[in-house]
N, C-alpha and C. Protein backbone atom coordinates (compact mmCIF):
# COMPACT_ATOMS: atom_id res chain seq x y z
N MET A 1 -12.05 4.40 7.75
CA MET A 1 -10.65 4.14 8.03
C MET A 1 -9.93 4.02 6.70
N GLY A 2 -9.12 5.02 6.37
CA GLY A 2 -8.43 5.04 5.09
C GLY A 2 -7.03 4.50 5.19
N ILE A 3 -6.45 4.25 4.06
CA ILE A 3 -5.08 3.77 3.97
C ILE A 3 -4.23 4.95 3.53
N ILE A 4 -3.16 5.24 4.24
CA ILE A 4 -2.31 6.38 3.95
C ILE A 4 -1.17 5.94 3.05
N ILE A 5 -0.97 6.64 1.93
CA ILE A 5 0.09 6.30 0.99
C ILE A 5 0.95 7.55 0.75
N PRO A 6 1.95 7.81 1.60
CA PRO A 6 2.83 8.95 1.36
C PRO A 6 3.93 8.58 0.38
N ASN A 7 4.50 9.59 -0.28
CA ASN A 7 5.66 9.35 -1.13
C ASN A 7 6.90 9.55 -0.29
N ILE A 8 7.75 8.56 -0.23
CA ILE A 8 8.95 8.61 0.58
C ILE A 8 10.14 8.28 -0.31
N CYS A 9 11.19 9.09 -0.22
CA CYS A 9 12.41 8.81 -0.98
C CYS A 9 13.20 7.74 -0.27
N ARG A 10 13.62 6.75 -1.00
CA ARG A 10 14.48 5.70 -0.47
C ARG A 10 15.63 5.49 -1.44
N LYS A 11 16.83 5.29 -0.91
CA LYS A 11 17.98 5.06 -1.77
C LYS A 11 17.85 3.66 -2.37
N ARG A 12 17.97 3.57 -3.66
CA ARG A 12 17.78 2.31 -4.35
C ARG A 12 18.78 2.20 -5.49
N GLU A 13 19.66 1.24 -5.41
CA GLU A 13 20.64 0.97 -6.46
C GLU A 13 21.38 2.22 -6.92
N ASP A 14 22.08 2.90 -6.02
CA ASP A 14 22.92 4.05 -6.31
C ASP A 14 22.17 5.29 -6.81
N ARG A 15 20.87 5.36 -6.62
CA ARG A 15 20.15 6.57 -7.03
C ARG A 15 18.95 6.77 -6.10
N MET A 16 18.51 8.01 -6.00
CA MET A 16 17.33 8.30 -5.21
C MET A 16 16.11 8.10 -6.10
N GLU A 17 15.13 7.39 -5.59
CA GLU A 17 13.95 7.07 -6.38
C GLU A 17 12.73 7.16 -5.46
N MET A 18 11.63 7.68 -5.99
CA MET A 18 10.41 7.75 -5.20
C MET A 18 9.81 6.35 -5.10
N GLU A 19 9.57 5.91 -3.89
CA GLU A 19 8.97 4.60 -3.66
C GLU A 19 7.79 4.79 -2.70
N PRO A 20 6.55 4.78 -3.21
CA PRO A 20 5.40 4.99 -2.34
C PRO A 20 5.28 3.88 -1.30
N THR A 21 4.89 4.26 -0.09
CA THR A 21 4.69 3.28 0.97
C THR A 21 3.27 3.38 1.49
N VAL A 22 2.81 2.34 2.11
CA VAL A 22 1.47 2.28 2.68
C VAL A 22 1.60 2.14 4.19
N ILE A 23 0.77 2.89 4.92
CA ILE A 23 0.74 2.79 6.37
C ILE A 23 -0.59 2.17 6.78
N CYS A 24 -0.54 1.09 7.53
CA CYS A 24 -1.75 0.40 7.97
C CYS A 24 -2.56 1.32 8.89
N PRO A 25 -3.86 1.47 8.63
CA PRO A 25 -4.67 2.33 9.48
C PRO A 25 -4.90 1.76 10.88
N LYS A 26 -4.66 0.47 11.06
CA LYS A 26 -4.90 -0.15 12.36
C LYS A 26 -3.65 -0.13 13.24
N CYS A 27 -2.51 -0.64 12.74
CA CYS A 27 -1.32 -0.77 13.58
C CYS A 27 -0.21 0.22 13.23
N LYS A 28 -0.40 1.01 12.13
CA LYS A 28 0.56 2.03 11.68
C LYS A 28 1.86 1.44 11.13
N HIS A 29 1.88 0.15 10.83
CA HIS A 29 3.05 -0.50 10.22
C HIS A 29 3.21 0.04 8.80
N GLU A 30 4.44 0.26 8.37
CA GLU A 30 4.70 0.85 7.06
C GLU A 30 5.51 -0.11 6.18
N LYS A 31 5.06 -0.27 4.94
CA LYS A 31 5.72 -1.15 3.98
C LYS A 31 5.57 -0.56 2.58
N PRO A 32 6.46 -0.92 1.64
CA PRO A 32 6.31 -0.46 0.26
C PRO A 32 4.97 -0.90 -0.33
N LEU A 33 4.43 -0.05 -1.17
CA LEU A 33 3.13 -0.26 -1.79
C LEU A 33 2.98 -1.64 -2.44
N ASN A 34 3.99 -2.08 -3.18
CA ASN A 34 3.87 -3.34 -3.93
C ASN A 34 3.88 -4.57 -3.04
N HIS A 35 4.15 -4.43 -1.75
CA HIS A 35 4.14 -5.58 -0.84
C HIS A 35 2.79 -5.77 -0.14
N LEU A 36 1.94 -4.74 -0.14
CA LEU A 36 0.71 -4.81 0.65
C LEU A 36 -0.59 -4.73 -0.14
N LEU A 37 -0.54 -4.23 -1.37
CA LEU A 37 -1.77 -4.09 -2.16
C LEU A 37 -1.80 -5.14 -3.25
N THR A 38 -2.98 -5.72 -3.46
CA THR A 38 -3.20 -6.69 -4.52
C THR A 38 -4.27 -6.15 -5.44
N ALA A 39 -3.97 -6.03 -6.73
CA ALA A 39 -4.96 -5.60 -7.72
C ALA A 39 -5.48 -6.84 -8.43
N GLN A 40 -6.79 -6.99 -8.45
CA GLN A 40 -7.40 -8.13 -9.11
C GLN A 40 -7.89 -7.75 -10.50
N SER A 41 -8.14 -8.73 -11.34
CA SER A 41 -8.54 -8.47 -12.72
C SER A 41 -9.88 -7.75 -12.83
N ASN A 42 -10.72 -7.83 -11.81
CA ASN A 42 -12.03 -7.16 -11.85
C ASN A 42 -11.96 -5.75 -11.27
N GLN A 43 -10.76 -5.16 -11.19
CA GLN A 43 -10.50 -3.80 -10.71
C GLN A 43 -10.58 -3.65 -9.19
N ASN A 44 -10.85 -4.72 -8.45
CA ASN A 44 -10.84 -4.64 -6.99
C ASN A 44 -9.40 -4.57 -6.49
N VAL A 45 -9.19 -3.79 -5.46
CA VAL A 45 -7.88 -3.70 -4.82
C VAL A 45 -8.05 -4.15 -3.38
N ILE A 46 -7.13 -4.99 -2.91
CA ILE A 46 -7.19 -5.52 -1.55
C ILE A 46 -5.92 -5.13 -0.81
N PHE A 47 -6.09 -4.60 0.40
CA PHE A 47 -4.96 -4.27 1.28
C PHE A 47 -4.91 -5.30 2.38
N GLU A 48 -3.72 -5.87 2.63
CA GLU A 48 -3.55 -6.81 3.74
C GLU A 48 -2.26 -6.47 4.47
N CYS A 49 -2.37 -6.14 5.75
CA CYS A 49 -1.21 -5.80 6.57
C CYS A 49 -0.51 -7.09 7.00
N GLU A 50 0.79 -7.16 6.72
CA GLU A 50 1.57 -8.33 7.11
C GLU A 50 1.83 -8.37 8.60
N ASN A 51 1.70 -7.22 9.25
CA ASN A 51 2.00 -7.12 10.67
C ASN A 51 0.82 -7.54 11.56
N CYS A 52 -0.35 -6.92 11.34
CA CYS A 52 -1.51 -7.20 12.21
C CYS A 52 -2.61 -7.98 11.50
N HIS A 53 -2.42 -8.28 10.20
CA HIS A 53 -3.35 -9.06 9.38
C HIS A 53 -4.69 -8.35 9.14
N PHE A 54 -4.70 -7.02 9.28
CA PHE A 54 -5.88 -6.22 8.93
C PHE A 54 -6.10 -6.33 7.43
N ILE A 55 -7.35 -6.50 6.99
CA ILE A 55 -7.67 -6.62 5.56
C ILE A 55 -8.76 -5.61 5.21
N LYS A 56 -8.55 -4.89 4.12
CA LYS A 56 -9.58 -4.00 3.57
C LYS A 56 -9.76 -4.39 2.12
N ARG A 57 -10.98 -4.72 1.73
CA ARG A 57 -11.28 -5.17 0.37
C ARG A 57 -12.06 -4.10 -0.40
N ASN A 58 -12.10 -4.25 -1.70
CA ASN A 58 -12.88 -3.37 -2.58
C ASN A 58 -12.54 -1.90 -2.41
N ILE A 59 -11.25 -1.57 -2.41
CA ILE A 59 -10.80 -0.20 -2.29
C ILE A 59 -11.13 0.52 -3.59
N VAL A 60 -11.77 1.67 -3.49
CA VAL A 60 -12.17 2.43 -4.65
C VAL A 60 -10.94 3.03 -5.33
N THR A 61 -10.86 2.88 -6.65
CA THR A 61 -9.76 3.43 -7.44
C THR A 61 -10.35 4.30 -8.56
N LYS A 62 -9.49 4.98 -9.30
CA LYS A 62 -9.97 5.81 -10.42
C LYS A 62 -10.65 4.98 -11.48
N LYS A 63 -10.23 3.72 -11.65
CA LYS A 63 -10.81 2.86 -12.68
C LYS A 63 -12.12 2.22 -12.24
N GLY A 64 -12.50 2.35 -10.98
CA GLY A 64 -13.77 1.78 -10.58
C GLY A 64 -13.68 1.12 -9.29
């Protein structure tokens, strides 16, 4: 079960800017990336859905 991160344009402060969003794989709720992902100092990334409270830990990234 993967986490979908599409690039979506959103109007922000009088200009168009790319703001990546995350879609929960369980409930399909969509929120901006910086509201749902937590990066820890040991390179672990944690996803937590504010809507259904689904949690995915240790998401693999390019850094490890």
